[in-house]
C-alpha atoms as a PDB file:
ATOM      1  CA  UNK A   1      -4.695   4.857 -12.103  1.00  0.00           C
ATOM      2  CA  UNK A   2      -2.665   7.893 -12.851  1.00  0.00           C
ATOM      3  CA  UNK A   3       0.150   9.009 -10.595  1.00  0.00           C
ATOM      4  CA  UNK A   4      -0.105  12.493  -9.198  1.00  0.00           C
ATOM      5  CA  UNK A   5       2.779  14.796 -10.009  1.00  0.00           C
ATOM      6  CA  UNK A   6       4.058  16.185  -6.679  1.00  0.00           C
ATOM      7  CA  UNK A   7       5.586  19.276  -8.225  1.00  0.00           C
ATOM      8  CA  UNK A   8       2.294  21.104  -7.925  1.00  0.00           C
ATOM      9  CA  UNK A   9       1.163  19.748  -4.538  1.00  0.00           C
ATOM     10  CA  UNK A  10       0.298  21.824  -1.496  1.00  0.00           C
ATOM     11  CA  UNK A  11       2.788  23.811   0.462  1.00  0.00           C
ATOM     12  CA  UNK A  12       4.403  22.634   3.747  1.00  0.00           C
ATOM     13  CA  UNK A  13       2.500  22.891   6.975  1.00  0.00           C
ATOM     14  CA  UNK A  14       3.573  24.635  10.148  1.00  0.00           C
ATOM     15  CA  UNK A  15       5.808  21.841  11.231  1.00  0.00           C
ATOM     16  CA  UNK A  16       7.785  21.848   8.009  1.00  0.00           C
ATOM     17  CA  UNK A  17       6.455  18.526   6.873  1.00  0.00           C
ATOM     18  CA  UNK A  18       4.730  18.183   3.557  1.00  0.00           C
ATOM     19  CA  UNK A  19       1.017  18.442   3.971  1.00  0.00           C
ATOM     20  CA  UNK A  20      -0.238  15.721   1.693  1.00  0.00           C
ATOM     21  CA  UNK A  21      -3.816  16.986   3.433  1.00  0.00           C
ATOM     22  CA  UNK A  22       5.248  -8.001  10.792  1.00  0.00           C
ATOM     23  CA  UNK A  23       5.931 -10.468  10.867  1.00  0.00           C
ATOM     24  CA  UNK A  24       3.091 -12.992  11.485  1.00  0.00           C
ATOM     25  CA  UNK A  25       3.924 -13.033  15.238  1.00  0.00           C
ATOM     26  CA  UNK A  26       2.341  -9.539  15.510  1.00  0.00           C
ATOM     27  CA  UNK A  27      -1.104 -10.734  14.311  1.00  0.00           C
ATOM     28  CA  UNK A  28      -3.382 -11.800  17.129  1.00  0.00           C
ATOM     29  CA  UNK A  29      -6.355 -13.001  15.093  1.00  0.00           C
ATOM     30  CA  UNK A  30      -5.800 -16.772  14.752  1.00  0.00           C
ATOM     31  CA  UNK A  31      -8.258 -17.057  11.789  1.00  0.00           C
ATOM     32  CA  UNK A  32      -6.809 -16.945   8.332  1.00  0.00           C
ATOM     33  CA  UNK A  33      -7.681 -13.901   6.295  1.00  0.00           C
ATOM     34  CA  UNK A  34      -9.238 -16.217   3.696  1.00  0.00           C
ATOM     35  CA  UNK A  35     -11.648 -17.432   6.377  1.00  0.00           C
ATOM     36  CA  UNK A  36     -12.939 -14.014   7.290  1.00  0.00           C
ATOM     37  CA  UNK A  37     -16.126 -12.652   5.674  1.00  0.00           C
ATOM     38  CA  UNK A  38     -15.425 -10.714   2.525  1.00  0.00           C
ATOM     39  CA  UNK A  39     -17.410  -7.584   1.741  1.00  0.00           C
ATOM     40  CA  UNK A  40     -18.935  -7.565  -1.767  1.00  0.00           C
ATOM     41  CA  UNK A  41     -17.787  -4.429  -3.546  1.00  0.00           C
ATOM     42  CA  UNK A  42     -20.368  -1.783  -4.042  1.00  0.00           C
ATOM     43  CA  UNK A  43     -21.453  -1.182  -7.655  1.00  0.00           C
ATOM     44  CA  UNK A  44     -20.290   2.417  -7.239  1.00  0.00           C
ATOM     45  CA  UNK A  45     -16.767   1.000  -6.779  1.00  0.00           C
ATOM     46  CA  UNK A  46     -16.823  -0.908 -10.110  1.00  0.00           C
ATOM     47  CA  UNK A  47     -17.184  -0.279 -13.830  1.00  0.00           C
ATOM     48  CA  UNK A  48     -18.864  -2.861 -16.043  1.00  0.00           C
ATOM     49  CA  UNK A  49     -18.420  -3.573 -19.730  1.00  0.00           C
ATOM     50  CA  UNK A  50     -15.438  -3.471 -22.126  1.00  0.00           C
ATOM     51  CA  UNK A  51     -16.218  -0.080 -23.744  1.00  0.00           C
ATOM     52  CA  UNK A  52     -16.885   1.515 -20.422  1.00  0.00           C
ATOM     53  CA  UNK A  53     -13.557   0.324 -18.991  1.00  0.00           C
ATOM     54  CA  UNK A  54     -11.657   1.463 -22.072  1.00  0.00           C
ATOM     55  CA  UNK A  55     -13.178   4.900 -21.834  1.00  0.00           C
ATOM     56  CA  UNK A  56     -12.335   4.996 -18.099  1.00  0.00           C
ATOM     57  CA  UNK A  57      -8.642   4.382 -18.986  1.00  0.00           C
ATOM     58  CA  UNK A  58      -8.761   7.171 -21.629  1.00  0.00           C
ATOM     59  CA  UNK A  59     -10.354   9.480 -19.076  1.00  0.00           C
ATOM     60  CA  UNK A  60      -7.548   8.829 -16.540  1.00  0.00           C
ATOM     61  CA  UNK A  61      -9.702   7.115 -13.970  1.00  0.00           C
ATOM     62  CA  UNK A  62      -7.916   5.505 -11.024  1.00  0.00           C
ATOM     63  CA  UNK A  63      -8.281   1.828 -11.651  1.00  0.00           C
ATOM     64  CA  UNK A  64      -6.642  -0.617  -9.313  1.00  0.00           C
ATOM     65  CA  UNK A  65      -7.754  -3.944 -10.710  1.00  0.00           C
ATOM     66  CA  UNK A  66      -9.430  -5.314 -13.822  1.00  0.00           C
ATOM     67  CA  UNK A  67     -11.048  -8.735 -13.989  1.00  0.00           C
ATOM     68  CA  UNK A  68     -11.346 -10.314 -17.489  1.00  0.00           C
ATOM     69  CA  UNK A  69     -13.238 -13.394 -18.393  1.00  0.00           C
ATOM     70  CA  UNK A  70     -10.685 -16.127 -18.860  1.00  0.00           C
ATOM     71  CA  UNK A  71     -11.657 -17.206 -22.352  1.00  0.00           C
ATOM     72  CA  UNK A  72     -12.266 -13.749 -23.822  1.00  0.00           C
ATOM     73  CA  UNK A  73     -10.544 -12.968 -27.062  1.00  0.00           C
ATOM     74  CA  UNK A  74     -12.690 -10.318 -28.732  1.00  0.00           C
ATOM     75  CA  UNK A  75     -11.337  -7.316 -30.650  1.00  0.00           C
ATOM     76  CA  UNK A  76     -12.371  -5.092 -27.788  1.00  0.00           C
ATOM     77  CA  UNK A  77     -10.390  -7.163 -25.325  1.00  0.00           C
ATOM     78  CA  UNK A  78      -7.362  -6.712 -27.545  1.00  0.00           C
ATOM     79  CA  UNK A  79      -8.028  -2.994 -27.630  1.00  0.00           C
ATOM     80  CA  UNK A  80      -8.152  -2.994 -23.782  1.00  0.00           C
ATOM     81  CA  UNK A  81      -4.861  -4.811 -23.556  1.00  0.00           C
ATOM     82  CA  UNK A  82      -3.245  -2.349 -25.942  1.00  0.00           C
ATOM     83  CA  UNK A  83      -4.553   0.539 -23.875  1.00  0.00           C
ATOM     84  CA  UNK A  84      -3.150  -0.903 -20.647  1.00  0.00           C
ATOM     85  CA  UNK A  85       0.197  -1.602 -22.168  1.00  0.00           C
ATOM     86  CA  UNK A  86       0.466   1.893 -23.611  1.00  0.00           C
ATOM     87  CA  UNK A  87      -0.441   3.445 -20.215  1.00  0.00           C
ATOM     88  CA  UNK A  88       2.031   1.207 -18.351  1.00  0.00           C
ATOM     89  CA  UNK A  89       4.823   2.107 -20.835  1.00  0.00           C
ATOM     90  CA  UNK A  90       4.114   5.805 -20.217  1.00  0.00           C
ATOM     91  CA  UNK A  91       4.416   5.146 -16.430  1.00  0.00           C
ATOM     92  CA  UNK A  92       0.957   6.489 -15.899  1.00  0.00           C
ATOM     93  CA  UNK A  93      -0.933   3.395 -15.114  1.00  0.00           C
ATOM     94  CA  UNK A  94      -0.292   0.370 -12.900  1.00  0.00           C
ATOM     95  CA  UNK A  95      -3.318  -1.820 -12.916  1.00  0.00           C
ATOM     96  CA  UNK A  96      -3.576  -5.504 -11.930  1.00  0.00           C
ATOM     97  CA  UNK A  97      -5.277  -7.535 -14.665  1.00  0.00           C
ATOM     98  CA  UNK A  98      -6.571 -11.015 -13.722  1.00  0.00           C
ATOM     99  CA  UNK A  99      -8.318 -13.513 -16.010  1.00  0.00           C
ATOM    100  CA  UNK A 100     -11.022 -15.254 -14.010  1.00  0.00           C
ATOM    101  CA  UNK A 101     -13.897 -17.657 -14.730  1.00  0.00           C
ATOM    102  CA  UNK A 102     -17.099 -16.040 -15.745  1.00  0.00           C
ATOM    103  CA  UNK A 103     -18.656 -17.396 -12.490  1.00  0.00           C
ATOM    104  CA  UNK A 104     -16.421 -14.969 -10.582  1.00  0.00           C
ATOM    105  CA  UNK A 105     -17.702 -12.018 -12.484  1.00  0.00           C
ATOM    106  CA  UNK A 106     -21.287 -13.149 -12.102  1.00  0.00           C
ATOM    107  CA  UNK A 107     -20.802 -13.315  -8.302  1.00  0.00           C
ATOM    108  CA  UNK A 108     -19.776  -9.631  -8.290  1.00  0.00           C
ATOM    109  CA  UNK A 109     -22.757  -8.289 -10.278  1.00  0.00           C
ATOM    110  CA  UNK A 110     -25.945  -9.354 -11.992  1.00  0.00           C
ATOM    111  CA  UNK A 111     -25.527  -6.674 -14.573  1.00  0.00           C
ATOM    112  CA  UNK A 112     -24.302  -7.301 -18.167  1.00  0.00           C
ATOM    113  CA  UNK A 113     -20.571  -7.090 -17.490  1.00  0.00           C
ATOM    114  CA  UNK A 114     -19.555  -8.316 -20.994  1.00  0.00           C
ATOM    115  CA  UNK A 115     -16.762 -10.259 -19.393  1.00  0.00           C
ATOM    116  CA  UNK A 116     -14.934  -7.378 -17.748  1.00  0.00           C
ATOM    117  CA  UNK A 117     -15.178  -5.540 -14.438  1.00  0.00           C
ATOM    118  CA  UNK A 118     -12.761  -2.765 -13.267  1.00  0.00           C
ATOM    119  CA  UNK A 119     -12.442  -1.647  -9.696  1.00  0.00           C
ATOM    120  CA  UNK A 120     -12.165   2.061  -9.036  1.00  0.00           C
ATOM    121  CA  UNK A 121      -9.698   3.389  -6.495  1.00  0.00           C
ATOM    122  CA  UNK A 122     -10.910   5.980  -4.044  1.00  0.00           C
ATOM    123  CA  UNK A 123      -7.372   7.325  -3.698  1.00  0.00           C
ATOM    124  CA  UNK A 124      -4.747   8.720  -6.014  1.00  0.00           C
ATOM    125  CA  UNK A 125      -1.442   6.873  -6.327  1.00  0.00           C
ATOM    126  CA  UNK A 126       1.953   8.553  -6.245  1.00  0.00           C
ATOM    127  CA  UNK A 127       5.438   7.718  -7.386  1.00  0.00           C
ATOM    128  CA  UNK A 128       7.736   6.907  -4.416  1.00  0.00           C
ATOM    129  CA  UNK A 129      10.689   8.420  -6.387  1.00  0.00           C
ATOM    130  CA  UNK A 130       8.909  11.719  -6.523  1.00  0.00           C
ATOM    131  CA  UNK A 131       8.109  11.773  -2.850  1.00  0.00           C
ATOM    132  CA  UNK A 132      11.588  10.780  -1.624  1.00  0.00           C
ATOM    133  CA  UNK A 133      13.229  13.394  -3.834  1.00  0.00           C
ATOM    134  CA  UNK A 134      10.895  16.102  -2.637  1.00  0.00           C
ATOM    135  CA  UNK A 135      11.239  15.208   1.081  1.00  0.00           C
ATOM    136  CA  UNK A 136      15.050  15.449   0.783  1.00  0.00           C
ATOM    137  CA  UNK A 137      14.780  18.739  -1.140  1.00  0.00           C
ATOM    138  CA  UNK A 138      12.612  20.121   1.653  1.00  0.00           C
ATOM    139  CA  UNK A 139      15.376  19.305   4.166  1.00  0.00           C
ATOM    140  CA  UNK A 140      13.223  16.727   5.905  1.00  0.00           C
ATOM    141  CA  UNK A 141      14.023  13.208   7.156  1.00  0.00           C
ATOM    142  CA  UNK A 142      12.036  10.645   5.116  1.00  0.00           C
ATOM    143  CA  UNK A 143       9.798   8.186   6.925  1.00  0.00           C
ATOM    144  CA  UNK A 144       8.154   5.574   4.702  1.00  0.00           C
ATOM    145  CA  UNK A 145       5.907   2.654   5.587  1.00  0.00           C
ATOM    146  CA  UNK A 146       6.243  -0.400   3.417  1.00  0.00           C
ATOM    147  CA  UNK A 147       3.565  -3.102   3.568  1.00  0.00           C
ATOM    148  CA  UNK A 148       4.521  -6.545   2.288  1.00  0.00           C
ATOM    149  CA  UNK A 149       1.336  -8.172   1.075  1.00  0.00           C
ATOM    150  CA  UNK A 150      -1.106  -6.717   3.661  1.00  0.00           C
ATOM    151  CA  UNK A 151      -4.518  -7.819   2.316  1.00  0.00           C
ATOM    152  CA  UNK A 152      -7.053  -6.963   5.035  1.00  0.00           C
ATOM    153  CA  UNK A 153      -8.638  -3.559   4.246  1.00  0.00           C
ATOM    154  CA  UNK A 154      -9.274  -2.681   7.917  1.00  0.00           C
ATOM    155  CA  UNK A 155      -5.711  -3.401   8.948  1.00  0.00           C
ATOM    156  CA  UNK A 156      -4.596  -1.269   6.014  1.00  0.00           C
ATOM    157  CA  UNK A 157      -6.895   1.537   6.933  1.00  0.00           C
ATOM    158  CA  UNK A 158      -5.796   1.503  10.556  1.00  0.00           C
ATOM    159  CA  UNK A 159      -2.105   1.557   9.545  1.00  0.00           C
ATOM    160  CA  UNK A 160      -2.800   4.433   7.230  1.00  0.00           C
ATOM    161  CA  UNK A 161      -4.408   6.397  10.108  1.00  0.00           C
ATOM    162  CA  UNK A 162      -1.371   5.796  12.363  1.00  0.00           C
ATOM    163  CA  UNK A 163       0.927   6.835   9.504  1.00  0.00           C
ATOM    164  CA  UNK A 164      -0.932  10.129   8.984  1.00  0.00           C
ATOM    165  CA  UNK A 165      -0.752  10.833  12.764  1.00  0.00           C
ATOM    166  CA  UNK A 166       2.993  10.091  12.878  1.00  0.00           C
ATOM    167  CA  UNK A 167       3.870  12.232   9.874  1.00  0.00           C
ATOM    168  CA  UNK A 168       4.814   9.398   7.506  1.00  0.00           C
ATOM    169  CA  UNK A 169       5.630  10.680   3.988  1.00  0.00           C
ATOM    170  CA  UNK A 170       4.259   7.727   2.032  1.00  0.00           C
ATOM    171  CA  UNK A 171       2.845   4.157   2.347  1.00  0.00           C
ATOM    172  CA  UNK A 172       4.210   1.682  -0.227  1.00  0.00           C
ATOM    173  CA  UNK A 173       2.167  -1.355  -1.291  1.00  0.00           C
ATOM    174  CA  UNK A 174       2.800  -3.909  -4.033  1.00  0.00           C
ATOM    175  CA  UNK A 175       0.531  -3.972  -7.016  1.00  0.00           C
ATOM    176  CA  UNK A 176       0.037  -7.766  -6.755  1.00  0.00           C
ATOM    177  CA  UNK A 177      -1.063  -9.770  -3.690  1.00  0.00           C
ATOM    178  CA  UNK A 178      -2.030  -6.715  -1.777  1.00  0.00           C
ATOM    179  CA  UNK A 179      -5.024  -4.902  -0.350  1.00  0.00           C
ATOM    180  CA  UNK A 180      -7.787  -3.675  -2.678  1.00  0.00           C
ATOM    181  CA  UNK A 181      -8.232  -0.137  -1.421  1.00  0.00           C
ATOM    182  CA  UNK A 182     -11.944   0.602  -1.090  1.00  0.00           C
ATOM    183  CA  UNK A 183     -14.407   2.648   0.942  1.00  0.00           C
ATOM    184  CA  UNK A 184     -13.868   0.421   3.976  1.00  0.00           C
ATOM    185  CA  UNK A 185     -10.209   1.157   3.988  1.00  0.00           C
ATOM    186  CA  UNK A 186     -10.812   4.953   3.701  1.00  0.00           C
ATOM    187  CA  UNK A 187     -13.426   4.774   6.479  1.00  0.00           C
ATOM    188  CA  UNK A 188     -11.103   2.832   8.793  1.00  0.00           C
ATOM    189  CA  UNK A 189      -8.322   5.306   8.148  1.00  0.00           C
ATOM    190  CA  UNK A 190     -10.650   8.143   9.367  1.00  0.00           C
ATOM    191  CA  UNK A 191     -10.040   9.869   6.001  1.00  0.00           C
ATOM    192  CA  UNK A 192      -6.264   9.626   6.255  1.00  0.00           C
ATOM    193  CA  UNK A 193      -6.088   7.942   2.843  1.00  0.00           C
ATOM    194  CA  UNK A 194      -7.423  11.147   1.260  1.00  0.00           C
ATOM    195  CA  UNK A 195      -4.175  12.984   2.318  1.00  0.00           C
ATOM    196  CA  UNK A 196      -1.603  10.318   2.882  1.00  0.00           C
ATOM    197  CA  UNK A 197       0.365   9.455  -0.335  1.00  0.00           C
ATOM    198  CA  UNK A 198      -0.007   5.789  -1.289  1.00  0.00           C
ATOM    199  CA  UNK A 199       2.569   4.409  -3.712  1.00  0.00           C
ATOM    200  CA  UNK A 200       1.721   1.284  -5.655  1.00  0.00           C
ATOM    201  CA  UNK A 201       4.800  -0.463  -7.043  1.00  0.00           C
ATOM    202  CA  UNK A 202       5.226  -3.324  -9.452  1.00  0.00           C
ATOM    203  CA  UNK A 203       8.175  -4.852  -7.688  1.00  0.00           C
ATOM    204  CA  UNK A 204       8.599  -4.331  -3.949  1.00  0.00           C
ATOM    205  CA  UNK A 205      12.174  -5.604  -3.876  1.00  0.00           C
ATOM    206  CA  UNK A 206      13.312  -3.083  -6.522  1.00  0.00           C
ATOM    207  CA  UNK A 207      11.600  -0.341  -4.510  1.00  0.00           C
ATOM    208  CA  UNK A 208      13.421  -1.275  -1.347  1.00  0.00           C
ATOM    209  CA  UNK A 209      16.698  -1.268  -3.309  1.00  0.00           C
ATOM    210  CA  UNK A 210      15.873   2.240  -4.463  1.00  0.00           C
ATOM    211  CA  UNK A 211      15.082   3.413  -0.985  1.00  0.00           C
ATOM    212  CA  UNK A 212      18.312   1.921   0.339  1.00  0.00           C
ATOM    213  CA  UNK A 213      20.324   3.499  -2.457  1.00  0.00           C
ATOM    214  CA  UNK A 214      18.630   6.809  -1.677  1.00  0.00           C
ATOM    215  CA  UNK A 215      20.051   6.693   1.883  1.00  0.00           C
ATOM    216  CA  UNK A 216      17.196   5.151   3.799  1.00  0.00           C
ATOM    217  CA  UNK A 217      17.632   2.455   6.408  1.00  0.00           C
ATOM    218  CA  UNK A 218      15.240  -0.467   5.873  1.00  0.00           C
ATOM    219  CA  UNK A 219      13.870  -1.707   9.197  1.00  0.00           C
ATOM    220  CA  UNK A 220      11.919  -4.882   9.357  1.00  0.00           C
ATOM    221  CA  UNK A 221       9.583  -5.732  12.323  1.00  0.00           C
ATOM    222  CA  UNK A 222      10.167  -9.424  12.916  1.00  0.00           C
ATOM    223  CA  UNK A 223      10.043 -11.824  15.844  1.00  0.00           C
ATOM    224  CA  UNK A 224      13.301 -13.363  14.704  1.00  0.00           C
ATOM    225  CA  UNK A 225      15.295 -10.188  15.381  1.00  0.00           C
ATOM    226  CA  UNK A 226      17.814 -10.021  18.222  1.00  0.00           C
ATOM    227  CA  UNK A 227      17.356  -6.332  18.932  1.00  0.00           C
ATOM    228  CA  UNK A 228      14.393  -4.575  20.569  1.00  0.00           C
ATOM    229  CA  UNK A 229      12.772  -1.771  18.602  1.00  0.00           C
ATOM    230  CA  UNK A 230      13.529   0.662  21.459  1.00  0.00           C
ATOM    231  CA  UNK A 231      17.302  -0.215  21.456  1.00  0.00           C
ATOM    232  CA  UNK A 232      17.655   0.410  17.707  1.00  0.00           C
ATOM    233  CA  UNK A 233      18.495   3.880  16.226  1.00  0.00           C
ATOM    234  CA  UNK A 234      15.445   4.889  14.118  1.00  0.00           C
ATOM    235  CA  UNK A 235      16.204   8.563  13.861  1.00  0.00           C
ATOM    236  CA  UNK A 236      17.698   8.716  10.340  1.00  0.00           C
ATOM    237  CA  UNK A 237      15.965   8.374   6.966  1.00  0.00           C
ATOM    238  CA  UNK A 238      13.903   5.240   7.333  1.00  0.00           C
ATOM    239  CA  UNK A 239      11.521   2.743   5.746  1.00  0.00           C
ATOM    240  CA  UNK A 240       9.624   0.484   8.104  1.00  0.00           C
ATOM    241  CA  UNK A 241       8.591  -2.875   6.648  1.00  0.00           C
ATOM    242  CA  UNK A 242       5.553  -4.743   8.055  1.00  0.00           C
ATOM    243  CA  UNK A 243       4.683  -8.225   6.944  1.00  0.00           C
ATOM    244  CA  UNK A 244       1.394  -9.782   5.823  1.00  0.00           C
ATOM    245  CA  UNK A 245      -1.231 -11.207   8.158  1.00  0.00           C
ATOM    246  CA  UNK A 246      -0.674 -14.755   7.064  1.00  0.00           C
ATOM    247  CA  UNK A 247       2.931 -15.119   5.836  1.00  0.00           C
ATOM    248  CA  UNK A 248       4.877 -12.354   7.536  1.00  0.00           C
ATOM    249  CA  UNK A 249       7.692 -10.593   5.699  1.00  0.00           C
ATOM    250  CA  UNK A 250       8.907 -12.629   2.725  1.00  0.00           C
ATOM    251  CA  UNK A 251      12.465 -13.946   2.800  1.00  0.00           C
ATOM    252  CA  UNK A 252      13.504 -11.897  -0.257  1.00  0.00           C
ATOM    253  CA  UNK A 253      12.201  -8.686   1.285  1.00  0.00           C
ATOM    254  CA  UNK A 254      13.678  -9.499   4.695  1.00  0.00           C
ATOM    255  CA  UNK A 255      17.105 -10.029   3.008  1.00  0.00           C
ATOM    256  CA  UNK A 256      16.977  -6.384   1.872  1.00  0.00           C
ATOM    257  CA  UNK A 257      16.382  -4.970   5.408  1.00  0.00           C
ATOM    258  CA  UNK A 258      19.581  -3.768   7.092  1.00  0.00           C
ATOM    259  CA  UNK A 259      17.786  -3.385  10.475  1.00  0.00           C
ATOM    260  CA  UNK A 260      15.681  -6.033  12.032  1.00  0.00           C
ATOM    261  CA  UNK A 261      13.847  -5.280  15.277  1.00  0.00           C
ATOM    262  CA  UNK A 262      11.288  -7.026  17.537  1.00  0.00           C
ATOM    263  CA  UNK A 263       8.561  -5.920  19.847  1.00  0.00           C
ATOM    264  CA  UNK A 264       8.958  -7.905  23.036  1.00  0.00           C
ATOM    265  CA  UNK A 265       5.962  -9.941  24.147  1.00  0.00           C
ATOM    266  CA  UNK A 266       5.478 -10.642  27.936  1.00  0.00           C
ATOM    267  CA  UNK A 267       1.854 -11.663  28.273  1.00  0.00           C
ATOM    268  CA  UNK A 268      -0.055 -14.833  27.604  1.00  0.00           C
ATOM    269  CA  UNK A 269      -0.926 -13.704  23.999  1.00  0.00           C
ATOM    270  CA  UNK A 270       2.014 -14.223  21.708  1.00  0.00           C
ATOM    271  CA  UNK A 271       1.264 -11.626  19.086  1.00  0.00           C
ATOM    272  CA  UNK A 272      -0.149  -8.233  18.138  1.00  0.00           C
ATOM    273  CA  UNK A 273      -2.395  -7.218  15.319  1.00  0.00           C
ATOM    274  CA  UNK A 274      -0.258  -5.906  12.464  1.00  0.00           C
ATOM    275  CA  UNK A 275      -1.863  -2.462  12.613  1.00  0.00           C
ATOM    276  CA  UNK A 276      -1.079  -2.196  16.335  1.00  0.00           C
ATOM    277  CA  UNK A 277       2.510  -3.318  15.744  1.00  0.00           C
ATOM    278  CA  UNK A 278       2.848  -0.714  12.953  1.00  0.00           C
ATOM    279  CA  UNK A 279       1.597   2.021  15.310  1.00  0.00           C
ATOM    280  CA  UNK A 280       4.097   0.959  18.032  1.00  0.00           C
ATOM    281  CA  UNK A 281       6.965   1.111  15.464  1.00  0.00           C
ATOM    282  CA  UNK A 282       5.916   4.528  14.126  1.00  0.00           C
ATOM    283  CA  UNK A 283       5.621   6.245  17.467  1.00  0.00           C
ATOM    284  CA  UNK A 284       8.935   4.881  18.681  1.00  0.00           C
ATOM    285  CA  UNK A 285      10.432   6.573  15.592  1.00  0.00           C
ATOM    286  CA  UNK A 286       8.666   9.744  16.562  1.00  0.00           C
ATOM    287  CA  UNK A 287       9.776   9.459  20.187  1.00  0.00           C
ATOM    288  CA  UNK A 288      13.430   9.021  19.180  1.00  0.00           C
ATOM    289  CA  UNK A 289      13.320  11.891  16.679  1.00  0.00           C
ATOM    290  CA  UNK A 290      11.753  14.276  19.224  1.00  0.00           C
ATOM    291  CA  UNK A 291      14.383  13.329  21.753  1.00  0.00           C
ATOM    292  CA  UNK A 292      17.171  14.106  19.321  1.00  0.00           C
ATOM    293  CA  UNK A 293      15.725  17.486  18.445  1.00  0.00           C
ATOM    294  CA  UNK A 294      15.691  18.623  22.097  1.00  0.00           C
END
């Protein structure tokens, strides 16, 4: 997947913003994500065969994951590894490569996959450094959504839709242990993923350190916080961190957050779906910022 250079992106919209046209307690579904039905990827979302995948990399296709047969050691597989390493060293490509049993590949397709399947991404990926720099250069206040290991595509799509409505500058997701962005995610986002910058990072902790060093507050939504989200100042440059459906925000990520807030629960249900909690957080930020501008 090649990162889009923002230097040539579209001009600002009327509002001055760039037109890029939870913790576990917030998740109400008691079933584990692994227990939920998994949609088999459409063949139009995949590329089969070693040579076809190599040519896709050379052509700059947006690839978000490659599955290799575990015992593969052909000359073409070495060529593929070399291509991926070269692209990663240039900073152009960040693709998850997993070695899996051949049975896994056979479950995905009955075609002659030759021991390799690549998953196409329906969205372009951006560099978070480019976005933050440009937002500051535009005289705007950054607002970034950081998703710590969110894996459900519909939750991700719903969060992306809320982000687009709230004027978020970018959504950050880790390259590993994260959602596979597909057509379902785009559909659930109501098309927001076609305009909202998504930044895929190799190390989420390093990215949070970069955001913090760039002047952003890092606010975690967690049930263990003492302060309510409405009683916390969210008007400055901000990155909101939401945790995964199963594990919540990891301890290492939580340690990098200088603000920790909770959404009070008063009913008989103890939690919110993570996409709902993300929407609540985003529009509290928007409410506070509008109030300050008046």
